[in-house]
Amino acid sequence: MVKDKPIAKLSYEQALEELEKALESLEKGDRNLEETLALFERGKSLLNRCRDLLKQAELRVTELNTGDGKIKDLENDS
């Protein structure tokens, strides 16, 4: 189960899915205060994980783009 994995080990898709489920649960409002706070805290961590992974992806795309609209060929790039 994904919830058993440390957040730092989750893929973007896994973190986003768990975040969506956490939001649904929080919106229902059927948890006690401690559970709500714990879920909110995990949700913030999941959001940060998603943001970090998106930033990494953006940096990779930027590195691949040479600025002239062409994509670098990393296999033949020395």
PDB file of N, CA and C in Angstrom:
ATOM      1  N   MET A   1       0.838  -1.182   0.000  1.00  0.00           N
ATOM      2  CA  MET A   1       0.000   0.000   0.000  1.00  0.00           C
ATOM      3  C   MET A   1       0.883   1.247   0.000  1.00  0.00           C
ATOM      4  N   VAL A   2       0.478   2.261  -0.762  1.00  0.00           N
ATOM      5  CA  VAL A   2       1.269   3.474  -0.921  1.00  0.00           C
ATOM      6  C   VAL A   2       1.428   4.213   0.393  1.00  0.00           C
ATOM      7  N   LYS A   3       0.412   4.243   1.233  1.00  0.00           N
ATOM      8  CA  LYS A   3       0.483   4.996   2.489  1.00  0.00           C
ATOM      9  C   LYS A   3       1.579   4.473   3.403  1.00  0.00           C
ATOM     10  N   ASP A   4       2.018   3.245   3.187  1.00  0.00           N
ATOM     11  CA  ASP A   4       3.085   2.671   4.000  1.00  0.00           C
ATOM     12  C   ASP A   4       4.461   3.127   3.524  1.00  0.00           C
ATOM     13  N   LYS A   5       4.550   3.620   2.289  1.00  0.00           N
ATOM     14  CA  LYS A   5       5.826   4.073   1.738  1.00  0.00           C
ATOM     15  C   LYS A   5       6.162   5.471   2.260  1.00  0.00           C
ATOM     16  N   PRO A   6       7.434   5.699   2.519  1.00  0.00           N
ATOM     17  CA  PRO A   6       7.838   7.067   2.875  1.00  0.00           C
ATOM     18  C   PRO A   6       7.540   8.007   1.703  1.00  0.00           C
ATOM     19  N   ILE A   7       7.143   9.214   2.000  1.00  0.00           N
ATOM     20  CA  ILE A   7       6.765  10.161   0.953  1.00  0.00           C
ATOM     21  C   ILE A   7       7.903  10.384  -0.033  1.00  0.00           C
ATOM     22  N   ALA A   8       9.128  10.408   0.449  1.00  0.00           N
ATOM     23  CA  ALA A   8      10.278  10.643  -0.425  1.00  0.00           C
ATOM     24  C   ALA A   8      10.474   9.531  -1.463  1.00  0.00           C
ATOM     25  N   LYS A   9       9.852   8.385  -1.261  1.00  0.00           N
ATOM     26  CA  LYS A   9       9.986   7.261  -2.197  1.00  0.00           C
ATOM     27  C   LYS A   9       8.834   7.204  -3.206  1.00  0.00           C
ATOM     28  N   LEU A  10       7.824   8.059  -3.040  1.00  0.00           N
ATOM     29  CA  LEU A  10       6.661   8.021  -3.915  1.00  0.00           C
ATOM     30  C   LEU A  10       6.948   8.686  -5.253  1.00  0.00           C
ATOM     31  N   SER A  11       6.396   8.117  -6.304  1.00  0.00           N
ATOM     32  CA  SER A  11       6.453   8.764  -7.618  1.00  0.00           C
ATOM     33  C   SER A  11       5.464   9.933  -7.600  1.00  0.00           C
ATOM     34  N   TYR A  12       5.539  10.748  -8.620  1.00  0.00           N
ATOM     35  CA  TYR A  12       4.606  11.874  -8.719  1.00  0.00           C
ATOM     36  C   TYR A  12       3.164  11.368  -8.728  1.00  0.00           C
ATOM     37  N   GLU A  13       2.922  10.349  -9.528  1.00  0.00           N
ATOM     38  CA  GLU A  13       1.566   9.814  -9.661  1.00  0.00           C
ATOM     39  C   GLU A  13       1.055   9.231  -8.344  1.00  0.00           C
ATOM     40  N   GLN A  14       1.910   8.543  -7.629  1.00  0.00           N
ATOM     41  CA  GLN A  14       1.517   7.962  -6.340  1.00  0.00           C
ATOM     42  C   GLN A  14       1.215   9.056  -5.322  1.00  0.00           C
ATOM     43  N   ALA A  15       2.083  10.057  -5.261  1.00  0.00           N
ATOM     44  CA  ALA A  15       1.890  11.150  -4.307  1.00  0.00           C
ATOM     45  C   ALA A  15       0.618  11.930  -4.627  1.00  0.00           C
ATOM     46  N   LEU A  16       0.376  12.184  -5.902  1.00  0.00           N
ATOM     47  CA  LEU A  16      -0.810  12.924  -6.298  1.00  0.00           C
ATOM     48  C   LEU A  16      -2.079  12.140  -5.980  1.00  0.00           C
ATOM     49  N   GLU A  17      -2.072  10.846  -6.236  1.00  0.00           N
ATOM     50  CA  GLU A  17      -3.238  10.010  -5.940  1.00  0.00           C
ATOM     51  C   GLU A  17      -3.544  10.011  -4.439  1.00  0.00           C
ATOM     52  N   GLU A  18      -2.496   9.855  -3.641  1.00  0.00           N
ATOM     53  CA  GLU A  18      -2.713   9.857  -2.189  1.00  0.00           C
ATOM     54  C   GLU A  18      -3.185  11.230  -1.703  1.00  0.00           C
ATOM     55  N   LEU A  19      -2.640  12.289  -2.286  1.00  0.00           N
ATOM     56  CA  LEU A  19      -3.055  13.639  -1.930  1.00  0.00           C
ATOM     57  C   LEU A  19      -4.532  13.858  -2.257  1.00  0.00           C
ATOM     58  N   GLU A  20      -4.963  13.402  -3.411  1.00  0.00           N
ATOM     59  CA  GLU A  20      -6.370  13.542  -3.795  1.00  0.00           C
ATOM     60  C   GLU A  20      -7.279  12.794  -2.815  1.00  0.00           C
ATOM     61  N   LYS A  21      -6.865  11.603  -2.413  1.00  0.00           N
ATOM     62  CA  LYS A  21      -7.657  10.828  -1.452  1.00  0.00           C
ATOM     63  C   LYS A  21      -7.695  11.522  -0.089  1.00  0.00           C
ATOM     64  N   ALA A  22      -6.573  12.107   0.306  1.00  0.00           N
ATOM     65  CA  ALA A  22      -6.526  12.827   1.584  1.00  0.00           C
ATOM     66  C   ALA A  22      -7.463  14.025   1.547  1.00  0.00           C
ATOM     67  N   LEU A  23      -7.465  14.742   0.435  1.00  0.00           N
ATOM     68  CA  LEU A  23      -8.352  15.893   0.310  1.00  0.00           C
ATOM     69  C   LEU A  23      -9.819  15.478   0.376  1.00  0.00           C
ATOM     70  N   GLU A  24     -10.155  14.386  -0.297  1.00  0.00           N
ATOM     71  CA  GLU A  24     -11.537  13.884  -0.249  1.00  0.00           C
ATOM     72  C   GLU A  24     -11.936  13.557   1.191  1.00  0.00           C
ATOM     73  N   SER A  25     -11.033  12.913   1.897  1.00  0.00           N
ATOM     74  CA  SER A  25     -11.309  12.542   3.283  1.00  0.00           C
ATOM     75  C   SER A  25     -11.463  13.775   4.166  1.00  0.00           C
ATOM     76  N   LEU A  26     -10.604  14.763   3.966  1.00  0.00           N
ATOM     77  CA  LEU A  26     -10.697  15.997   4.753  1.00  0.00           C
ATOM     78  C   LEU A  26     -11.998  16.746   4.455  1.00  0.00           C
ATOM     79  N   GLU A  27     -12.412  16.731   3.203  1.00  0.00           N
ATOM     80  CA  GLU A  27     -13.642  17.424   2.824  1.00  0.00           C
ATOM     81  C   GLU A  27     -14.872  16.775   3.446  1.00  0.00           C
ATOM     82  N   LYS A  28     -14.824  15.466   3.670  1.00  0.00           N
ATOM     83  CA  LYS A  28     -15.952  14.778   4.291  1.00  0.00           C
ATOM     84  C   LYS A  28     -16.141  15.244   5.732  1.00  0.00           C
ATOM     85  N   GLY A  29     -15.035  15.524   6.406  1.00  0.00           N
ATOM     86  CA  GLY A  29     -15.090  16.020   7.774  1.00  0.00           C
ATOM     87  C   GLY A  29     -15.539  14.987   8.796  1.00  0.00           C
ATOM     88  N   ASP A  30     -15.318  13.713   8.508  1.00  0.00           N
ATOM     89  CA  ASP A  30     -15.788  12.661   9.414  1.00  0.00           C
ATOM     90  C   ASP A  30     -14.688  12.089  10.309  1.00  0.00           C
ATOM     91  N   ARG A  31     -13.565  12.770  10.419  1.00  0.00           N
ATOM     92  CA  ARG A  31     -12.461  12.296  11.260  1.00  0.00           C
ATOM     93  C   ARG A  31     -12.382  13.148  12.519  1.00  0.00           C
ATOM     94  N   ASN A  32     -11.763  12.580  13.552  1.00  0.00           N
ATOM     95  CA  ASN A  32     -11.578  13.369  14.768  1.00  0.00           C
ATOM     96  C   ASN A  32     -10.436  14.363  14.553  1.00  0.00           C
ATOM     97  N   LEU A  33     -10.232  15.225  15.508  1.00  0.00           N
ATOM     98  CA  LEU A  33      -9.262  16.307  15.363  1.00  0.00           C
ATOM     99  C   LEU A  33      -7.847  15.790  15.112  1.00  0.00           C
ATOM    100  N   GLU A  34      -7.412  14.811  15.893  1.00  0.00           N
ATOM    101  CA  GLU A  34      -6.043  14.283  15.736  1.00  0.00           C
ATOM    102  C   GLU A  34      -5.836  13.661  14.357  1.00  0.00           C
ATOM    103  N   GLU A  35      -6.818  12.882  13.902  1.00  0.00           N
ATOM    104  CA  GLU A  35      -6.721  12.261  12.571  1.00  0.00           C
ATOM    105  C   GLU A  35      -6.708  13.328  11.475  1.00  0.00           C
ATOM    106  N   THR A  36      -7.524  14.348  11.661  1.00  0.00           N
ATOM    107  CA  THR A  36      -7.594  15.434  10.683  1.00  0.00           C
ATOM    108  C   THR A  36      -6.254  16.162  10.600  1.00  0.00           C
ATOM    109  N   LEU A  37      -5.659  16.460  11.748  1.00  0.00           N
ATOM    110  CA  LEU A  37      -4.363  17.147  11.754  1.00  0.00           C
ATOM    111  C   LEU A  37      -3.266  16.291  11.120  1.00  0.00           C
ATOM    112  N   ALA A  38      -3.267  15.001  11.432  1.00  0.00           N
ATOM    113  CA  ALA A  38      -2.265  14.096  10.858  1.00  0.00           C
ATOM    114  C   ALA A  38      -2.441  13.998   9.348  1.00  0.00           C
ATOM    115  N   LEU A  39      -3.677  13.909   8.894  1.00  0.00           N
ATOM    116  CA  LEU A  39      -3.947  13.822   7.466  1.00  0.00           C
ATOM    117  C   LEU A  39      -3.577  15.118   6.759  1.00  0.00           C
ATOM    118  N   PHE A  40      -3.864  16.242   7.402  1.00  0.00           N
ATOM    119  CA  PHE A  40      -3.490  17.541   6.841  1.00  0.00           C
ATOM    120  C   PHE A  40      -1.968  17.658   6.723  1.00  0.00           C
ATOM    121  N   GLU A  41      -1.271  17.224   7.757  1.00  0.00           N
ATOM    122  CA  GLU A  41       0.196  17.282   7.751  1.00  0.00           C
ATOM    123  C   GLU A  41       0.769  16.409   6.633  1.00  0.00           C
ATOM    124  N   ARG A  42       0.243  15.196   6.500  1.00  0.00           N
ATOM    125  CA  ARG A  42       0.716  14.310   5.420  1.00  0.00           C
ATOM    126  C   ARG A  42       0.372  14.912   4.060  1.00  0.00           C
ATOM    127  N   GLY A  43      -0.791  15.518   3.974  1.00  0.00           N
ATOM    128  CA  GLY A  43      -1.184  16.160   2.720  1.00  0.00           C
ATOM    129  C   GLY A  43      -0.225  17.272   2.318  1.00  0.00           C
ATOM    130  N   LYS A  44       0.201  18.064   3.290  1.00  0.00           N
ATOM    131  CA  LYS A  44       1.183  19.122   2.993  1.00  0.00           C
ATOM    132  C   LYS A  44       2.495  18.527   2.495  1.00  0.00           C
ATOM    133  N   SER A  45       2.914  17.436   3.104  1.00  0.00           N
ATOM    134  CA  SER A  45       4.141  16.771   2.684  1.00  0.00           C
ATOM    135  C   SER A  45       3.994  16.185   1.280  1.00  0.00           C
ATOM    136  N   LEU A  46       2.835  15.627   1.003  1.00  0.00           N
ATOM    137  CA  LEU A  46       2.574  15.085  -0.336  1.00  0.00           C
ATOM    138  C   LEU A  46       2.579  16.195  -1.383  1.00  0.00           C
ATOM    139  N   LEU A  47       1.986  17.327  -1.040  1.00  0.00           N
ATOM    140  CA  LEU A  47       1.978  18.468  -1.950  1.00  0.00           C
ATOM    141  C   LEU A  47       3.404  18.937  -2.235  1.00  0.00           C
ATOM    142  N   ASN A  48       4.219  19.019  -1.197  1.00  0.00           N
ATOM    143  CA  ASN A  48       5.619  19.416  -1.381  1.00  0.00           C
ATOM    144  C   ASN A  48       6.365  18.418  -2.253  1.00  0.00           C
ATOM    145  N   ARG A  49       6.083  17.138  -2.078  1.00  0.00           N
ATOM    146  CA  ARG A  49       6.711  16.096  -2.917  1.00  0.00           C
ATOM    147  C   ARG A  49       6.326  16.297  -4.379  1.00  0.00           C
ATOM    148  N   CYS A  50       5.058  16.534  -4.632  1.00  0.00           N
ATOM    149  CA  CYS A  50       4.606  16.758  -6.009  1.00  0.00           C
ATOM    150  C   CYS A  50       5.293  17.987  -6.605  1.00  0.00           C
ATOM    151  N   ARG A  51       5.354  19.053  -5.839  1.00  0.00           N
ATOM    152  CA  ARG A  51       6.006  20.284  -6.320  1.00  0.00           C
ATOM    153  C   ARG A  51       7.482  20.044  -6.623  1.00  0.00           C
ATOM    154  N   ASP A  52       8.164  19.325  -5.742  1.00  0.00           N
ATOM    155  CA  ASP A  52       9.586  19.038  -5.953  1.00  0.00           C
ATOM    156  C   ASP A  52       9.800  18.215  -7.223  1.00  0.00           C
ATOM    157  N   LEU A  53       8.974  17.209  -7.413  1.00  0.00           N
ATOM    158  CA  LEU A  53       9.113  16.361  -8.601  1.00  0.00           C
ATOM    159  C   LEU A  53       8.814  17.143  -9.879  1.00  0.00           C
ATOM    160  N   LEU A  54       7.828  18.021  -9.823  1.00  0.00           N
ATOM    161  CA  LEU A  54       7.529  18.846 -10.996  1.00  0.00           C
ATOM    162  C   LEU A  54       8.674  19.814 -11.287  1.00  0.00           C
ATOM    163  N   LYS A  55       9.262  20.364 -10.241  1.00  0.00           N
ATOM    164  CA  LYS A  55      10.394  21.273 -10.433  1.00  0.00           C
ATOM    165  C   LYS A  55      11.586  20.532 -11.057  1.00  0.00           C
ATOM    166  N   GLN A  56      11.831  19.299 -10.585  1.00  0.00           N
ATOM    167  CA  GLN A  56      12.899  18.486 -11.166  1.00  0.00           C
ATOM    168  C   GLN A  56      12.643  18.209 -12.639  1.00  0.00           C
ATOM    169  N   ALA A  57      11.403  17.895 -12.972  1.00  0.00           N
ATOM    170  CA  ALA A  57      11.049  17.631 -14.366  1.00  0.00           C
ATOM    171  C   ALA A  57      11.236  18.888 -15.214  1.00  0.00           C
ATOM    172  N   GLU A  58      10.834  20.028 -14.673  1.00  0.00           N
ATOM    173  CA  GLU A  58      10.994  21.286 -15.395  1.00  0.00           C
ATOM    174  C   GLU A  58      12.472  21.582 -15.651  1.00  0.00           C
ATOM    175  N   LEU A  59      13.318  21.335 -14.653  1.00  0.00           N
ATOM    176  CA  LEU A  59      14.759  21.557 -14.821  1.00  0.00           C
ATOM    177  C   LEU A  59      15.340  20.631 -15.887  1.00  0.00           C
ATOM    178  N   ARG A  60      14.881  19.398 -15.910  1.00  0.00           N
ATOM    179  CA  ARG A  60      15.349  18.450 -16.932  1.00  0.00           C
ATOM    180  C   ARG A  60      14.961  18.920 -18.329  1.00  0.00           C
ATOM    181  N   VAL A  61      13.737  19.398 -18.478  1.00  0.00           N
ATOM    182  CA  VAL A  61      13.284  19.895 -19.787  1.00  0.00           C
ATOM    183  C   VAL A  61      14.103  21.117 -20.183  1.00  0.00           C
ATOM    184  N   THR A  62      14.350  21.994 -19.234  1.00  0.00           N
ATOM    185  CA  THR A  62      15.150  23.186 -19.510  1.00  0.00           C
ATOM    186  C   THR A  62      16.560  22.803 -19.944  1.00  0.00           C
ATOM    187  N   GLU A  63      17.146  21.813 -19.273  1.00  0.00           N
ATOM    188  CA  GLU A  63      18.484  21.356 -19.640  1.00  0.00           C
ATOM    189  C   GLU A  63      18.506  20.750 -21.040  1.00  0.00           C
ATOM    190  N   LEU A  64      17.447  20.065 -21.406  1.00  0.00           N
ATOM    191  CA  LEU A  64      17.382  19.439 -22.727  1.00  0.00           C
ATOM    192  C   LEU A  64      17.169  20.450 -23.841  1.00  0.00           C
ATOM    193  N   ASN A  65      16.520  21.542 -23.507  1.00  0.00           N
ATOM    194  CA  ASN A  65      16.226  22.553 -24.511  1.00  0.00           C
ATOM    195  C   ASN A  65      17.444  23.460 -24.667  1.00  0.00           C
ATOM    196  N   THR A  66      17.949  23.569 -25.882  1.00  0.00           N
ATOM    197  CA  THR A  66      19.155  24.356 -26.117  1.00  0.00           C
ATOM    198  C   THR A  66      18.884  25.840 -26.233  1.00  0.00           C
ATOM    199  N   GLY A  67      17.621  26.237 -26.257  1.00  0.00           N
ATOM    200  CA  GLY A  67      17.288  27.643 -26.380  1.00  0.00           C
ATOM    201  C   GLY A  67      16.947  28.036 -27.806  1.00  0.00           C
ATOM    202  N   ASP A  68      17.301  27.201 -28.784  1.00  0.00           N
ATOM    203  CA  ASP A  68      16.981  27.520 -30.181  1.00  0.00           C
ATOM    204  C   ASP A  68      15.802  26.696 -30.692  1.00  0.00           C
ATOM    205  N   GLY A  69      15.075  26.097 -29.764  1.00  0.00           N
ATOM    206  CA  GLY A  69      13.902  25.320 -30.144  1.00  0.00           C
ATOM    207  C   GLY A  69      14.215  23.886 -30.475  1.00  0.00           C
ATOM    208  N   LYS A  70      15.482  23.516 -30.453  1.00  0.00           N
ATOM    209  CA  LYS A  70      15.878  22.139 -30.765  1.00  0.00           C
ATOM    210  C   LYS A  70      16.158  21.399 -29.461  1.00  0.00           C
ATOM    211  N   ILE A  71      15.943  20.127 -29.484  1.00  0.00           N
ATOM    212  CA  ILE A  71      16.195  19.276 -28.325  1.00  0.00           C
ATOM    213  C   ILE A  71      17.593  18.672 -28.464  1.00  0.00           C
ATOM    214  N   LYS A  72      18.359  18.715 -27.389  1.00  0.00           N
ATOM    215  CA  LYS A  72      19.687  18.122 -27.403  1.00  0.00           C
ATOM    216  C   LYS A  72      19.576  16.606 -27.475  1.00  0.00           C
ATOM    217  N   ASP A  73      20.471  15.994 -28.187  1.00  0.00           N
ATOM    218  CA  ASP A  73      20.563  14.534 -28.226  1.00  0.00           C
ATOM    219  C   ASP A  73      21.560  14.133 -27.146  1.00  0.00           C
ATOM    220  N   LEU A  74      21.062  13.704 -26.000  1.00  0.00           N
ATOM    221  CA  LEU A  74      21.936  13.407 -24.867  1.00  0.00           C
ATOM    222  C   LEU A  74      22.825  12.198 -25.128  1.00  0.00           C
ATOM    223  N   GLU A  75      22.390  11.272 -25.958  1.00  0.00           N
ATOM    224  CA  GLU A  75      23.203  10.080 -26.245  1.00  0.00           C
ATOM    225  C   GLU A  75      24.451  10.435 -27.039  1.00  0.00           C
ATOM    226  N   ASN A  76      24.363  11.433 -27.903  1.00  0.00           N
ATOM    227  CA  ASN A  76      25.512  11.825 -28.731  1.00  0.00           C
ATOM    228  C   ASN A  76      26.157  13.105 -28.245  1.00  0.00           C
ATOM    229  N   ASP A  77      25.693  13.646 -27.140  1.00  0.00           N
ATOM    230  CA  ASP A  77      26.226  14.887 -26.593  1.00  0.00           C
ATOM    231  C   ASP A  77      27.387  14.556 -25.665  1.00  0.00           C
ATOM    232  N   SER A  78      28.564  15.102 -25.932  1.00  0.00           N
ATOM    233  CA  SER A  78      29.732  14.810 -25.089  1.00  0.00           C
ATOM    234  C   SER A  78      30.019  15.949 -24.163  1.00  0.00           C
TER     235      SER A  78
END
